[in-house]
N, C-alpha and C. Protein backbone atom coordinates (compact mmCIF):
# COMPACT_ATOMS: atom_id res chain seq x y z
N MET A 1 158.28 71.49 88.68
CA MET A 1 159.64 71.45 89.18
C MET A 1 159.67 70.49 90.36
N LYS A 2 160.63 69.64 90.36
CA LYS A 2 160.74 68.68 91.46
C LYS A 2 161.19 69.40 92.73
N ASN A 3 160.88 68.82 93.84
CA ASN A 3 161.25 69.40 95.12
C ASN A 3 162.72 69.06 95.39
N ILE A 4 163.57 70.08 95.35
CA ILE A 4 165.01 69.89 95.51
C ILE A 4 165.33 70.04 96.99
N GLN A 5 165.89 69.00 97.59
CA GLN A 5 166.14 68.99 99.02
C GLN A 5 167.61 69.08 99.39
N SER A 6 168.52 68.97 98.42
CA SER A 6 169.94 68.95 98.76
C SER A 6 170.38 70.30 99.32
N LYS A 7 171.47 70.25 100.11
CA LYS A 7 171.96 71.47 100.75
C LYS A 7 172.56 72.44 99.73
N SER A 8 173.26 71.94 98.74
CA SER A 8 173.80 72.81 97.72
C SER A 8 173.29 72.36 96.36
N LEU A 9 173.03 73.33 95.54
CA LEU A 9 172.49 73.06 94.21
C LEU A 9 173.61 72.93 93.20
N SER A 10 173.42 72.06 92.25
CA SER A 10 174.33 72.03 91.11
C SER A 10 173.95 73.21 90.21
N VAL A 11 174.86 73.58 89.34
CA VAL A 11 174.58 74.65 88.39
C VAL A 11 173.38 74.26 87.53
N GLU A 12 173.28 73.00 87.15
CA GLU A 12 172.17 72.55 86.32
C GLU A 12 170.84 72.68 87.05
N GLU A 13 170.79 72.32 88.32
CA GLU A 13 169.56 72.47 89.10
C GLU A 13 169.19 73.95 89.23
N ALA A 14 170.19 74.78 89.49
CA ALA A 14 169.96 76.22 89.63
C ALA A 14 169.44 76.81 88.32
N GLN A 15 170.04 76.39 87.21
CA GLN A 15 169.58 76.87 85.91
C GLN A 15 168.15 76.41 85.64
N GLY A 16 167.81 75.22 86.09
CA GLY A 16 166.44 74.72 85.93
C GLY A 16 165.45 75.58 86.69
N ILE A 17 165.79 75.97 87.91
CA ILE A 17 164.93 76.85 88.71
C ILE A 17 164.77 78.19 88.00
N ALA A 18 165.88 78.76 87.54
CA ALA A 18 165.83 80.06 86.88
C ALA A 18 165.06 80.00 85.57
N THR A 19 165.21 78.93 84.83
CA THR A 19 164.48 78.77 83.58
C THR A 19 162.98 78.66 83.84
N GLU A 20 162.62 77.90 84.84
CA GLU A 20 161.20 77.79 85.21
C GLU A 20 160.66 79.14 85.66
N ALA A 21 161.47 79.90 86.39
CA ALA A 21 161.06 81.24 86.83
C ALA A 21 160.84 82.15 85.63
N LEU A 22 161.73 82.07 84.64
CA LEU A 22 161.58 82.87 83.43
C LEU A 22 160.32 82.48 82.67
N LEU A 23 160.05 81.18 82.59
CA LEU A 23 158.83 80.73 81.93
C LEU A 23 157.59 81.26 82.62
N GLN A 24 157.61 81.26 83.96
CA GLN A 24 156.46 81.79 84.69
C GLN A 24 156.30 83.28 84.40
N LEU A 25 157.40 84.01 84.36
CA LEU A 25 157.32 85.44 84.02
C LEU A 25 156.71 85.65 82.64
N SER A 26 157.11 84.81 81.70
CA SER A 26 156.65 84.99 80.32
C SER A 26 155.15 84.79 80.18
N ARG A 27 154.53 84.13 81.15
CA ARG A 27 153.08 83.90 81.11
C ARG A 27 152.29 85.08 81.65
N ASP A 28 152.97 86.07 82.23
CA ASP A 28 152.31 87.23 82.83
C ASP A 28 152.81 88.49 82.14
N PRO A 29 152.00 89.09 81.25
CA PRO A 29 152.47 90.27 80.50
C PRO A 29 152.99 91.41 81.37
N GLU A 30 152.34 91.66 82.50
CA GLU A 30 152.78 92.75 83.38
C GLU A 30 154.16 92.44 83.98
N GLN A 31 154.34 91.21 84.46
CA GLN A 31 155.61 90.85 85.09
C GLN A 31 156.75 90.76 84.07
N ILE A 32 156.47 90.22 82.89
CA ILE A 32 157.56 90.15 81.90
C ILE A 32 157.95 91.55 81.46
N GLY A 33 156.97 92.45 81.40
CA GLY A 33 157.28 93.85 81.08
C GLY A 33 158.17 94.48 82.13
N ARG A 34 157.87 94.22 83.40
CA ARG A 34 158.70 94.72 84.50
C ARG A 34 160.11 94.14 84.42
N PHE A 35 160.18 92.83 84.13
CA PHE A 35 161.49 92.18 84.04
C PHE A 35 162.31 92.76 82.89
N LEU A 36 161.69 92.96 81.74
CA LEU A 36 162.41 93.51 80.60
C LEU A 36 162.92 94.92 80.91
N ALA A 37 162.10 95.71 81.59
CA ALA A 37 162.54 97.05 81.99
C ALA A 37 163.71 96.96 82.97
N PHE A 38 163.63 96.03 83.92
CA PHE A 38 164.69 95.81 84.90
C PHE A 38 165.99 95.39 84.22
N SER A 39 165.87 94.49 83.25
CA SER A 39 167.06 93.95 82.60
C SER A 39 167.60 94.85 81.49
N GLY A 40 166.77 95.77 81.00
CA GLY A 40 167.21 96.68 79.95
C GLY A 40 167.24 96.06 78.57
N ILE A 41 166.50 94.97 78.38
CA ILE A 41 166.45 94.35 77.05
C ILE A 41 165.03 94.42 76.51
N GLY A 42 164.91 94.31 75.21
CA GLY A 42 163.61 94.30 74.56
C GLY A 42 163.12 92.87 74.39
N PRO A 43 161.82 92.72 74.15
CA PRO A 43 161.25 91.37 74.01
C PRO A 43 161.89 90.56 72.89
N GLU A 44 162.32 91.22 71.83
CA GLU A 44 162.93 90.52 70.71
C GLU A 44 164.33 90.01 71.04
N MET A 45 164.90 90.48 72.14
CA MET A 45 166.26 90.11 72.51
C MET A 45 166.32 89.05 73.60
N ILE A 46 165.18 88.65 74.14
CA ILE A 46 165.19 87.79 75.31
C ILE A 46 165.82 86.42 75.03
N ARG A 47 165.54 85.84 73.88
CA ARG A 47 166.11 84.53 73.56
C ARG A 47 167.64 84.60 73.47
N GLU A 48 168.14 85.63 72.81
CA GLU A 48 169.59 85.81 72.69
C GLU A 48 170.21 86.10 74.06
N ALA A 49 169.56 86.97 74.84
CA ALA A 49 170.08 87.35 76.15
C ALA A 49 170.12 86.15 77.10
N ALA A 50 169.19 85.22 76.94
CA ALA A 50 169.14 84.05 77.83
C ALA A 50 170.42 83.22 77.76
N GLY A 51 171.16 83.33 76.68
CA GLY A 51 172.42 82.60 76.55
C GLY A 51 173.61 83.33 77.13
N GLU A 52 173.41 84.56 77.57
CA GLU A 52 174.51 85.37 78.11
C GLU A 52 174.79 85.00 79.57
N PRO A 53 176.06 85.04 79.95
CA PRO A 53 176.40 84.80 81.36
C PRO A 53 175.68 85.81 82.25
N GLY A 54 175.12 85.34 83.31
CA GLY A 54 174.47 86.23 84.26
C GLY A 54 172.99 86.46 84.03
N PHE A 55 172.48 86.11 82.85
CA PHE A 55 171.07 86.38 82.58
C PHE A 55 170.16 85.62 83.55
N LEU A 56 170.40 84.33 83.72
CA LEU A 56 169.55 83.55 84.62
C LEU A 56 169.69 84.02 86.06
N ALA A 57 170.88 84.44 86.45
CA ALA A 57 171.05 85.02 87.79
C ALA A 57 170.21 86.28 87.92
N GLY A 58 170.14 87.05 86.86
CA GLY A 58 169.31 88.27 86.85
C GLY A 58 167.83 87.95 87.01
N VAL A 59 167.40 86.85 86.41
CA VAL A 59 166.00 86.41 86.57
C VAL A 59 165.73 86.14 88.05
N LEU A 60 166.63 85.43 88.70
CA LEU A 60 166.46 85.11 90.11
C LEU A 60 166.50 86.36 90.97
N GLU A 61 167.38 87.29 90.66
CA GLU A 61 167.45 88.55 91.40
C GLU A 61 166.15 89.33 91.26
N PHE A 62 165.56 89.31 90.08
CA PHE A 62 164.28 89.99 89.86
C PHE A 62 163.22 89.44 90.81
N TYR A 63 163.16 88.15 90.94
CA TYR A 63 162.20 87.53 91.87
C TYR A 63 162.52 87.92 93.31
N MET A 64 163.78 87.95 93.65
CA MET A 64 164.16 88.24 95.04
C MET A 64 163.87 89.69 95.42
N MET A 65 163.64 90.56 94.45
CA MET A 65 163.29 91.95 94.73
C MET A 65 161.80 92.12 95.01
N ASP A 66 160.98 91.11 94.74
CA ASP A 66 159.53 91.21 94.87
C ASP A 66 159.03 90.01 95.67
N GLU A 67 158.78 90.22 96.95
CA GLU A 67 158.43 89.11 97.83
C GLU A 67 157.18 88.37 97.38
N ALA A 68 156.15 89.09 96.96
CA ALA A 68 154.91 88.43 96.53
C ALA A 68 155.16 87.55 95.30
N LEU A 69 155.92 88.06 94.36
CA LEU A 69 156.26 87.30 93.16
C LEU A 69 157.10 86.08 93.53
N LEU A 70 158.06 86.27 94.39
CA LEU A 70 158.93 85.19 94.86
C LEU A 70 158.11 84.08 95.52
N LEU A 71 157.26 84.46 96.44
CA LEU A 71 156.48 83.46 97.17
C LEU A 71 155.51 82.72 96.27
N ALA A 72 154.90 83.42 95.32
CA ALA A 72 153.98 82.77 94.39
C ALA A 72 154.73 81.75 93.53
N PHE A 73 155.90 82.13 93.03
CA PHE A 73 156.67 81.19 92.22
C PHE A 73 157.07 79.97 93.04
N CYS A 74 157.60 80.21 94.23
CA CYS A 74 158.07 79.11 95.07
C CYS A 74 156.94 78.15 95.40
N GLU A 75 155.77 78.68 95.68
CA GLU A 75 154.62 77.81 95.96
C GLU A 75 154.27 76.97 94.73
N ASN A 76 154.23 77.60 93.57
CA ASN A 76 153.91 76.88 92.33
C ASN A 76 154.97 75.84 91.98
N ALA A 77 156.24 76.17 92.25
CA ALA A 77 157.35 75.29 91.88
C ALA A 77 157.63 74.23 92.95
N GLY A 78 157.07 74.40 94.14
CA GLY A 78 157.32 73.44 95.21
C GLY A 78 158.71 73.54 95.81
N ILE A 79 159.24 74.77 95.86
CA ILE A 79 160.56 74.97 96.45
C ILE A 79 160.47 76.01 97.57
N ARG A 80 161.45 75.98 98.46
CA ARG A 80 161.52 76.99 99.52
C ARG A 80 162.05 78.29 98.93
N PRO A 81 161.59 79.43 99.44
CA PRO A 81 162.09 80.72 98.94
C PRO A 81 163.61 80.85 99.04
N THR A 82 164.21 80.25 100.04
CA THR A 82 165.67 80.35 100.17
C THR A 82 166.40 79.66 99.02
N MET A 83 165.70 78.78 98.32
CA MET A 83 166.32 78.10 97.18
C MET A 83 166.61 79.07 96.04
N MET A 84 165.86 80.17 95.97
CA MET A 84 166.13 81.15 94.91
C MET A 84 167.50 81.79 95.12
N ALA A 85 167.82 82.14 96.37
CA ALA A 85 169.14 82.70 96.65
C ALA A 85 170.23 81.65 96.43
N ALA A 86 169.95 80.43 96.83
CA ALA A 86 170.93 79.35 96.62
C ALA A 86 171.17 79.13 95.13
N ALA A 87 170.10 79.19 94.35
CA ALA A 87 170.23 79.02 92.89
C ALA A 87 171.02 80.17 92.29
N ARG A 88 170.74 81.37 92.74
CA ARG A 88 171.47 82.53 92.22
C ARG A 88 172.97 82.39 92.53
N TYR A 89 173.28 81.95 93.74
CA TYR A 89 174.67 81.76 94.12
C TYR A 89 175.31 80.65 93.28
N ALA A 90 174.59 79.57 93.05
CA ALA A 90 175.13 78.45 92.26
C ALA A 90 175.45 78.91 90.83
N ILE A 91 174.64 79.80 90.30
CA ILE A 91 174.84 80.28 88.93
C ILE A 91 175.94 81.32 88.86
N ALA A 92 175.89 82.30 89.76
CA ALA A 92 176.80 83.44 89.65
C ALA A 92 177.93 83.43 90.67
N GLY A 93 177.81 82.63 91.71
CA GLY A 93 178.85 82.60 92.73
C GLY A 93 179.04 83.95 93.38
N GLU A 94 180.27 84.29 93.66
CA GLU A 94 180.58 85.55 94.33
C GLU A 94 180.53 86.74 93.39
N ASP A 95 180.43 86.51 92.09
CA ASP A 95 180.49 87.58 91.09
C ASP A 95 179.22 88.42 91.16
N GLU A 96 179.33 89.63 91.69
CA GLU A 96 178.18 90.53 91.79
C GLU A 96 177.99 91.33 90.51
N ASP A 97 179.00 91.43 89.66
CA ASP A 97 178.91 92.24 88.45
C ASP A 97 178.74 91.31 87.25
N HIS A 98 177.66 90.54 87.27
CA HIS A 98 177.46 89.53 86.24
C HIS A 98 176.43 89.90 85.21
N ALA A 99 175.56 90.83 85.48
CA ALA A 99 174.43 91.09 84.59
C ALA A 99 174.76 91.99 83.46
């Protein structure tokens, strides 16, 4: 993931961060299991759910609930941890009931 330095993220940049975060989760069986339990979907539904409004925001929220997971992702992706919240806002805006 490129190092994004702009003050506000475009929806496309935010979706890129969330997609990369989902890919990282998918590489860790324990974390993807936790995410699926958090989201209430089964593994067979993840591809379909990824197209739903709010799904990528939910991925970012999952990371923001676990500081160690958040920091590990941000280090690997070369982004600041605050970018996760900015990405979530870019995707979902003020809508808190999106998931």
